[in-house]
């Protein structure tokens, strides 16, 4: 007998979905989230199923795929993905899963191939995902065209590559157009990765993002970063002095003359771009404030460009200076574990040891990343305590955290409420 049952009846997370939605509806705004959002495996599973399987995620830079056959991989929860450069420079993204028996095709983080070949049984795919070869004994009726790689949505702008696992990803084109506009002077097709770091933090991904969204902690934690960075980027901030407002006005006039985009742009709470001054006289995020690379990026003619700050939720923040850029990616590994990847970008023709020293270039953010790792991990240890309860954010100094938690809560709740259980046949 065929019985029709809703997927919700068979969903081990059904109760967690209801409980999580109730917590989001009842949460106290401007307070941190209830404990399960930071350490419960079931809520983490919902984060991966709803946020990281629906939203656009930053995975890498187009400069990492300079030619046909170059690829990069990333792991989104249980889902390995691959992005590869195909014919005519087209970017393709796929689930990194062979259609034979499911083995991963590409096992390295980056590489270059002529075709995508499964290491298990040598099924071979074109760079556009078409299956070309499946061995000798698949039968006369086997249809190669029905076994291509499963595609993943991919878009690029301003040198950034974004993927979404959703069948119908959310709108992002307005942000991408602005990203192209703001990064046009940097000529992002003419940059390279000068250095890269990967840090595993023993903290929930939301704690990593929350830590980034405020500088309330910077004065006591980041001496290297505060050699260049001003703790706030708003002339209406209560910490803004007349000298700071004068600096902003002078710098904006300078950027206007250079025809470099600088105005604050918001795309809801998910995306934000703004160019802000660094400390007066500082040109770059280096230990001495001087340019870390002797060649400016793209068509830029002045190193005095402050920092173009770019936020993309749920998993990236970035700083672009005149001489180099620093891009960040966060990928959740578990309920209390996150991978933070940092890449330092310079002009492609800059020569290591002549125009820049990678160790000097990365010194500020290596120190800052390690300090933030310790802060996030101690935050996690405290949250795991039976004593933890949601605490109040400073609406003055932690508004960025409030915006993130609002975005996360509203987004997750919208997905939980819009999920329609699918029908499946249960034979009995």
Protein backbone atom coordinates (compact mmCIF):
# COMPACT_ATOMS: atom_id res chain seq x y z
CA UNK A 1 0.00 0.00 0.00
CA UNK A 2 1.25 3.51 -0.87
CA UNK A 3 0.89 6.02 1.90
CA UNK A 4 1.44 9.73 1.33
CA UNK A 5 3.17 11.43 4.25
CA UNK A 6 4.64 14.87 4.65
CA UNK A 7 8.38 15.16 4.90
CA UNK A 8 7.89 16.90 8.24
CA UNK A 9 6.78 13.59 9.75
CA UNK A 10 10.10 12.06 8.77
CA UNK A 11 12.26 15.12 9.42
CA UNK A 12 14.47 14.60 12.49
CA UNK A 13 14.72 18.40 12.75
CA UNK A 14 10.95 19.04 12.71
CA UNK A 15 10.77 19.76 16.44
CA UNK A 16 13.95 21.85 16.28
CA UNK A 17 12.46 23.90 13.43
CA UNK A 18 9.42 24.75 15.51
CA UNK A 19 11.43 25.50 18.63
CA UNK A 20 13.95 27.64 16.71
CA UNK A 21 11.20 29.64 15.02
CA UNK A 22 9.57 30.25 18.42
CA UNK A 23 12.87 31.44 19.91
CA UNK A 24 13.36 33.84 16.99
CA UNK A 25 9.85 35.25 17.35
CA UNK A 26 10.30 35.76 21.08
CA UNK A 27 13.91 36.95 21.10
CA UNK A 28 14.71 40.27 22.73
CA UNK A 29 16.04 42.60 20.05
CA UNK A 30 19.41 44.33 20.79
CA UNK A 31 20.33 41.32 22.96
CA UNK A 32 22.55 38.40 22.03
CA UNK A 33 20.83 35.22 20.91
CA UNK A 34 19.70 32.38 23.17
CA UNK A 35 22.36 29.76 23.88
CA UNK A 36 21.22 27.09 21.35
CA UNK A 37 21.97 29.44 18.45
CA UNK A 38 25.66 29.30 19.37
CA UNK A 39 26.20 25.67 20.36
CA UNK A 40 23.29 23.35 19.56
CA UNK A 41 23.93 20.84 16.74
CA UNK A 42 20.29 21.01 15.65
CA UNK A 43 20.29 24.79 15.26
CA UNK A 44 23.62 24.51 13.45
CA UNK A 45 22.03 22.00 11.07
CA UNK A 46 19.24 24.51 10.42
CA UNK A 47 21.81 27.24 9.77
CA UNK A 48 23.42 25.03 7.14
CA UNK A 49 20.11 23.91 5.60
CA UNK A 50 18.52 27.34 5.51
CA UNK A 51 21.14 30.11 5.58
CA UNK A 52 24.15 28.44 3.93
CA UNK A 53 22.07 26.44 1.45
CA UNK A 54 20.01 29.43 0.30
CA UNK A 55 22.12 32.58 0.49
CA UNK A 56 24.88 33.76 -1.85
CA UNK A 57 28.25 32.80 -0.36
CA UNK A 58 31.66 34.28 -1.11
CA UNK A 59 33.98 31.42 -2.11
CA UNK A 60 37.01 32.95 -3.86
CA UNK A 61 38.45 35.50 -6.26
CA UNK A 62 38.34 35.46 -10.05
CA UNK A 63 42.09 36.08 -10.12
CA UNK A 64 42.50 32.57 -8.65
CA UNK A 65 41.03 31.16 -11.87
CA UNK A 66 43.07 33.03 -14.50
CA UNK A 67 42.76 30.52 -17.37
CA UNK A 68 40.68 27.71 -18.76
CA UNK A 69 40.84 24.65 -16.50
CA UNK A 70 41.77 26.51 -13.30
CA UNK A 71 39.49 25.48 -10.43
CA UNK A 72 38.93 26.05 -6.73
CA UNK A 73 36.91 24.02 -4.26
CA UNK A 74 35.02 24.80 -1.06
CA UNK A 75 33.07 22.82 1.50
CA UNK A 76 29.64 24.20 2.43
CA UNK A 77 28.55 22.00 5.33
CA UNK A 78 28.24 18.51 3.85
CA UNK A 79 28.31 19.88 0.31
CA UNK A 80 31.63 19.97 -1.58
CA UNK A 81 31.52 22.38 -4.53
CA UNK A 82 33.87 23.21 -7.37
CA UNK A 83 34.20 26.41 -9.41
CA UNK A 84 36.08 26.09 -12.71
CA UNK A 85 37.02 28.39 -15.58
CA UNK A 86 35.65 27.08 -18.89
CA UNK A 87 35.64 28.17 -22.52
CA UNK A 88 35.54 31.90 -23.32
CA UNK A 89 36.41 32.62 -19.69
CA UNK A 90 33.02 31.43 -18.43
CA UNK A 91 32.80 30.45 -14.77
CA UNK A 92 30.99 27.22 -13.96
CA UNK A 93 30.10 25.88 -10.53
CA UNK A 94 29.06 22.34 -9.69
CA UNK A 95 28.53 20.02 -6.81
CA UNK A 96 31.91 18.33 -6.53
CA UNK A 97 30.23 14.93 -6.68
CA UNK A 98 30.62 12.29 -9.40
CA UNK A 99 27.35 11.09 -10.92
CA UNK A 100 28.58 7.48 -10.79
CA UNK A 101 28.89 6.63 -7.10
CA UNK A 102 29.27 10.04 -5.53
CA UNK A 103 33.02 10.37 -5.04
CA UNK A 104 34.53 13.84 -4.96
CA UNK A 105 36.06 14.76 -8.31
CA UNK A 106 38.61 17.37 -7.19
CA UNK A 107 40.31 16.74 -3.87
CA UNK A 108 42.67 19.74 -3.79
CA UNK A 109 41.77 23.31 -2.83
CA UNK A 110 43.02 24.64 -6.17
CA UNK A 111 44.42 23.28 -9.37
CA UNK A 112 44.26 23.14 -13.16
CA UNK A 113 42.80 20.37 -15.30
CA UNK A 114 41.98 19.69 -18.93
CA UNK A 115 38.86 17.74 -17.94
CA UNK A 116 37.21 16.88 -14.66
CA UNK A 117 38.09 13.24 -14.01
CA UNK A 118 36.80 11.23 -11.06
CA UNK A 119 39.76 9.58 -9.32
CA UNK A 120 37.63 6.57 -8.36
CA UNK A 121 36.47 5.12 -11.70
CA UNK A 122 37.68 7.76 -14.15
CA UNK A 123 34.31 9.08 -15.23
CA UNK A 124 35.27 12.16 -17.24
CA UNK A 125 33.41 15.45 -17.51
CA UNK A 126 33.83 18.51 -19.70
CA UNK A 127 34.50 21.78 -17.88
CA UNK A 128 30.88 22.75 -18.51
CA UNK A 129 29.71 19.67 -16.60
CA UNK A 130 28.79 17.36 -19.49
CA UNK A 131 29.67 13.70 -18.99
CA UNK A 132 32.07 12.63 -21.74
CA UNK A 133 33.19 9.14 -20.69
CA UNK A 134 31.75 6.55 -18.32
CA UNK A 135 33.75 3.40 -18.95
CA UNK A 136 33.02 0.41 -21.15
CA UNK A 137 30.24 -1.49 -19.41
CA UNK A 138 27.39 0.91 -18.58
CA UNK A 139 25.00 -0.80 -21.03
CA UNK A 140 23.57 0.11 -24.40
CA UNK A 141 20.81 2.25 -22.92
CA UNK A 142 23.10 4.40 -20.79
CA UNK A 143 22.57 8.09 -21.59
CA UNK A 144 25.66 10.25 -21.09
CA UNK A 145 23.59 13.44 -21.37
CA UNK A 146 21.48 12.45 -18.37
CA UNK A 147 24.47 12.19 -16.03
CA UNK A 148 26.17 15.58 -16.17
CA UNK A 149 27.41 17.25 -13.02
CA UNK A 150 24.76 18.96 -10.93
CA UNK A 151 25.14 22.72 -11.36
CA UNK A 152 25.45 25.34 -8.64
CA UNK A 153 24.44 28.97 -9.20
CA UNK A 154 27.51 31.19 -9.64
CA UNK A 155 27.99 34.92 -10.16
CA UNK A 156 31.04 37.16 -10.14
CA UNK A 157 31.55 40.89 -9.72
CA UNK A 158 34.45 43.11 -8.73
CA UNK A 159 36.75 40.09 -8.73
CA UNK A 160 34.60 38.20 -6.19
CA UNK A 161 33.01 34.82 -6.87
CA UNK A 162 29.71 33.98 -5.18
CA UNK A 163 27.83 30.70 -5.27
CA UNK A 164 24.39 29.66 -4.03
CA UNK A 165 23.13 26.12 -3.48
CA UNK A 166 19.53 27.28 -3.80
CA UNK A 167 17.39 26.45 -6.82
CA UNK A 168 16.14 30.06 -6.70
CA UNK A 169 18.80 32.19 -5.00
CA UNK A 170 17.87 35.58 -3.52
CA UNK A 171 18.30 38.76 -5.58
CA UNK A 172 21.84 40.12 -5.54
CA UNK A 173 22.35 41.89 -8.88
CA UNK A 174 22.10 45.46 -7.49
CA UNK A 175 24.88 44.74 -5.01
CA UNK A 176 27.00 43.10 -7.70
CA UNK A 177 26.62 46.10 -10.01
CA UNK A 178 27.81 48.39 -7.22
CA UNK A 179 30.68 46.04 -6.41
CA UNK A 180 31.78 46.27 -10.06
CA UNK A 181 31.52 50.06 -9.93
CA UNK A 182 33.46 50.50 -6.68
CA UNK A 183 36.22 48.07 -7.63
CA UNK A 184 36.63 49.17 -11.25
CA UNK A 185 39.67 51.39 -10.41
CA UNK A 186 41.38 48.35 -8.85
CA UNK A 187 41.24 46.41 -12.15
CA UNK A 188 40.48 43.15 -10.40
CA UNK A 189 41.43 41.07 -13.44
CA UNK A 190 44.96 42.38 -12.88
CA UNK A 191 45.56 41.24 -9.28
CA UNK A 192 46.96 38.12 -7.62
CA UNK A 193 46.94 36.47 -4.22
CA UNK A 194 50.20 37.42 -2.50
CA UNK A 195 49.54 35.49 0.71
CA UNK A 196 46.83 33.35 2.30
CA UNK A 197 46.04 32.06 5.77
CA UNK A 198 43.50 29.54 7.07
CA UNK A 199 42.57 29.53 10.74
CA UNK A 200 40.20 27.09 12.42
CA UNK A 201 38.44 28.88 15.27
CA UNK A 202 36.72 26.86 17.98
CA UNK A 203 33.67 29.09 17.86
CA UNK A 204 30.29 29.21 16.16
CA UNK A 205 30.32 31.09 12.86
CA UNK A 206 27.93 33.74 14.21
CA UNK A 207 30.39 34.61 16.98
CA UNK A 208 33.09 35.09 14.34
CA UNK A 209 30.86 37.49 12.40
CA UNK A 210 29.65 39.29 15.54
CA UNK A 211 33.26 39.90 16.58
CA UNK A 212 33.96 41.47 13.19
CA UNK A 213 30.90 43.71 13.22
CA UNK A 214 32.11 45.90 16.09
CA UNK A 215 35.27 47.60 17.22
CA UNK A 216 34.04 48.07 20.78
CA UNK A 217 36.74 45.55 21.69
CA UNK A 218 39.52 46.93 19.48
CA UNK A 219 41.20 49.29 21.91
CA UNK A 220 41.86 46.52 24.39
CA UNK A 221 42.67 43.79 21.88
CA UNK A 222 44.19 45.03 18.61
CA UNK A 223 47.26 47.28 19.02
CA UNK A 224 48.62 46.35 15.56
CA UNK A 225 45.33 47.09 13.79
CA UNK A 226 44.88 50.41 15.58
CA UNK A 227 48.15 51.66 14.08
CA UNK A 228 46.04 52.34 11.00
CA UNK A 229 42.34 51.67 11.57
CA UNK A 230 39.95 54.15 13.16
CA UNK A 231 37.49 52.32 15.40
CA UNK A 232 34.41 53.80 13.71
CA UNK A 233 33.43 54.94 10.22
CA UNK A 234 30.61 57.41 10.84
CA UNK A 235 30.85 61.16 11.47
CA UNK A 236 27.70 60.86 13.61
CA UNK A 237 29.41 58.40 15.94
CA UNK A 238 29.67 59.89 19.47
CA UNK A 239 33.40 59.24 19.36
CA UNK A 240 33.79 61.42 16.25
CA UNK A 241 35.80 64.56 17.10
CA UNK A 242 35.93 67.80 15.08
CA UNK A 243 39.38 66.67 13.87
CA UNK A 244 37.90 63.39 12.61
CA UNK A 245 35.08 65.17 10.80
CA UNK A 246 37.62 67.48 9.17
CA UNK A 247 39.69 64.45 8.13
CA UNK A 248 36.63 62.83 6.56
CA UNK A 249 35.76 65.99 4.64
CA UNK A 250 39.33 66.39 3.33
CA UNK A 251 39.61 62.75 2.33
CA UNK A 252 36.25 62.68 0.58
CA UNK A 253 37.22 65.78 -1.42
CA UNK A 254 40.51 64.06 -2.31
CA UNK A 255 38.70 60.89 -3.44
CA UNK A 256 36.22 62.97 -5.41
CA UNK A 257 39.08 64.62 -7.33
CA UNK A 258 40.52 61.16 -8.04
CA UNK A 259 37.07 59.97 -9.19
CA UNK A 260 37.25 57.06 -6.78
CA UNK A 261 33.85 55.89 -5.40
CA UNK A 262 33.48 56.46 -1.68
CA UNK A 263 29.83 57.01 -0.68
CA UNK A 264 28.16 54.62 1.77
CA UNK A 265 25.94 52.07 0.02
CA UNK A 266 23.51 49.78 1.83
CA UNK A 267 21.67 46.78 0.40
CA UNK A 268 19.45 45.91 3.29
CA UNK A 269 21.49 44.62 6.20
CA UNK A 270 23.22 41.95 4.12
CA UNK A 271 25.58 44.13 2.08
CA UNK A 272 27.41 47.35 2.86
CA UNK A 273 30.16 49.30 1.10
CA UNK A 274 31.85 52.45 2.37
CA UNK A 275 35.24 54.11 1.95
CA UNK A 276 36.53 55.56 5.19
CA UNK A 277 39.77 57.29 6.20
CA UNK A 278 42.43 55.59 8.20
CA UNK A 279 44.42 57.53 10.79
CA UNK A 280 45.58 60.84 9.32
CA UNK A 281 48.78 60.27 7.36
CA UNK A 282 48.38 56.47 7.25
CA UNK A 283 48.27 54.94 3.78
CA UNK A 284 47.84 51.23 4.43
CA UNK A 285 47.14 48.53 7.03
CA UNK A 286 50.78 47.83 7.76
CA UNK A 287 52.75 48.10 10.98
CA UNK A 288 54.19 51.51 10.02
CA UNK A 289 51.20 52.74 8.03
CA UNK A 290 53.21 52.98 4.82
CA UNK A 291 52.23 51.13 1.62
CA UNK A 292 53.07 47.45 1.85
CA UNK A 293 53.39 47.14 -1.91
CA UNK A 294 55.38 49.47 -4.13
CA UNK A 295 52.88 49.20 -6.98
CA UNK A 296 49.39 50.59 -6.56
CA UNK A 297 46.45 48.47 -7.61
CA UNK A 298 44.84 48.98 -11.02
CA UNK A 299 44.60 52.52 -12.31
CA UNK A 300 44.92 54.11 -8.87
CA UNK A 301 47.29 57.07 -8.73
CA UNK A 302 47.33 57.81 -4.99
CA UNK A 303 48.03 55.51 -2.05
CA UNK A 304 45.96 57.79 0.21
CA UNK A 305 42.61 56.05 -0.31
CA UNK A 306 41.65 55.04 3.21
CA UNK A 307 39.94 51.66 3.32
CA UNK A 308 37.06 50.57 1.14
CA UNK A 309 35.16 48.31 3.50
CA UNK A 310 32.87 45.71 1.95
CA UNK A 311 30.48 43.52 3.95
CA UNK A 312 28.68 40.52 2.54
CA UNK A 313 26.58 38.42 4.88
CA UNK A 314 26.66 35.68 5.87
CA UNK A 315 30.36 35.05 5.34
CA UNK A 316 32.66 37.86 4.24
CA UNK A 317 34.20 41.22 5.11
CA UNK A 318 36.97 43.01 3.21
CA UNK A 319 39.37 45.98 3.17
CA UNK A 320 40.70 47.56 -0.03
CA UNK A 321 43.56 50.07 0.23
CA UNK A 322 45.50 51.73 -2.57
CA UNK A 323 48.41 49.30 -2.50
CA UNK A 324 46.74 46.02 -1.49
CA UNK A 325 43.50 44.41 -0.38
CA UNK A 326 42.60 41.95 2.36
CA UNK A 327 39.60 39.67 1.80
CA UNK A 328 38.04 37.38 4.39
CA UNK A 329 35.83 34.31 4.12
CA UNK A 330 34.10 32.40 6.92
CA UNK A 331 32.82 28.83 6.46
CA UNK A 332 31.14 26.93 9.30
CA UNK A 333 32.71 23.57 10.14
CA UNK A 334 30.52 22.59 13.08
CA UNK A 335 28.34 24.04 15.85
CA UNK A 336 31.46 25.39 17.59
CA UNK A 337 34.03 25.46 14.81
CA UNK A 338 34.65 27.85 11.89
CA UNK A 339 37.23 28.22 9.14
CA UNK A 340 38.46 31.80 8.58
CA UNK A 341 40.38 32.30 5.34
CA UNK A 342 42.28 35.52 4.69
CA UNK A 343 43.84 36.48 1.35
CA UNK A 344 46.12 39.43 0.64
CA UNK A 345 45.84 40.76 -2.92
CA UNK A 346 48.33 42.89 -4.84
CA UNK A 347 48.77 44.04 -8.40
CA UNK A 348 49.59 41.06 -10.64
CA UNK A 349 52.91 42.40 -11.90
CA UNK A 350 54.17 43.27 -8.39
CA UNK A 351 57.26 41.23 -7.64
CA UNK A 352 57.67 39.43 -4.33
CA UNK A 353 60.88 40.55 -2.63
CA UNK A 354 61.03 43.67 -4.80
CA UNK A 355 57.67 45.42 -4.52
CA UNK A 356 56.37 43.63 -1.42
CA UNK A 357 57.35 41.29 1.39
CA UNK A 358 54.48 38.84 2.10
CA UNK A 359 55.39 38.51 5.77
CA UNK A 360 55.35 42.27 6.29
CA UNK A 361 52.16 42.64 4.23
CA UNK A 362 50.26 40.18 6.40
CA UNK A 363 51.74 41.09 9.80
CA UNK A 364 48.86 43.33 10.98
CA UNK A 365 46.06 40.94 10.08
CA UNK A 366 47.92 37.82 11.17
CA UNK A 367 48.12 39.37 14.63
CA UNK A 368 44.53 40.64 14.50
CA UNK A 369 43.13 37.31 13.30
CA UNK A 370 44.83 35.44 16.11
CA UNK A 371 43.59 37.95 18.67
CA UNK A 372 40.04 37.65 17.29
CA UNK A 373 40.33 33.86 17.36
CA UNK A 374 41.13 33.96 21.07
CA UNK A 375 38.27 36.39 21.74
CA UNK A 376 35.74 34.28 19.83
CA UNK A 377 36.87 31.07 21.50
CA UNK A 378 36.62 32.59 24.98
CA UNK A 379 33.21 33.94 24.02
CA UNK A 380 32.18 30.42 23.01
CA UNK A 381 33.47 28.89 26.26
CA UNK A 382 31.45 31.37 28.29
CA UNK A 383 28.29 30.90 26.23
CA UNK A 384 28.48 27.13 26.84
CA UNK A 385 28.09 27.74 30.58
CA UNK A 386 24.79 27.15 32.41
CA UNK A 387 25.20 30.75 33.59
CA UNK A 388 24.86 32.23 30.09
CA UNK A 389 21.82 34.25 29.18
CA UNK A 390 21.42 36.77 26.34
CA UNK A 391 23.13 40.05 27.18
CA UNK A 392 22.52 43.59 25.89
CA UNK A 393 24.45 45.02 22.98
CA UNK A 394 25.55 48.66 23.02
CA UNK A 395 23.30 50.41 20.52
CA UNK A 396 26.00 53.07 20.18
CA UNK A 397 29.06 50.89 19.62
CA UNK A 398 27.61 47.52 18.58
CA UNK A 399 25.00 48.61 16.05
CA UNK A 400 26.76 46.50 13.43
CA UNK A 401 26.26 43.41 15.58
CA UNK A 402 22.61 44.31 16.09
CA UNK A 403 22.19 44.64 12.33
CA UNK A 404 23.81 41.24 11.76
CA UNK A 405 21.73 39.48 14.40
CA UNK A 406 18.59 41.14 13.02
CA UNK A 407 19.50 40.00 9.49
CA UNK A 408 20.26 36.48 10.63
CA UNK A 409 17.10 36.19 12.73
CA UNK A 410 14.80 37.65 10.09
CA UNK A 411 16.37 35.57 7.32
CA UNK A 412 16.34 32.27 9.16
CA UNK A 413 12.78 32.82 10.37
CA UNK A 414 11.60 33.65 6.86
CA UNK A 415 13.06 30.39 5.55
CA UNK A 416 11.65 28.35 8.42
CA UNK A 417 8.19 29.84 7.94
CA UNK A 418 8.20 29.49 4.16
CA UNK A 419 9.36 25.88 4.02
CA UNK A 420 6.54 23.77 2.64
CA UNK A 421 6.98 20.10 3.55
CA UNK A 422 7.29 18.09 0.37
CA UNK A 423 5.26 14.93 -0.22
CA UNK A 424 6.97 11.60 -0.39
CA UNK A 425 5.69 8.09 -0.92
CA UNK A 426 6.12 5.73 1.99
CA UNK A 427 5.56 2.11 1.06
CA UNK A 428 4.07 -0.17 3.65
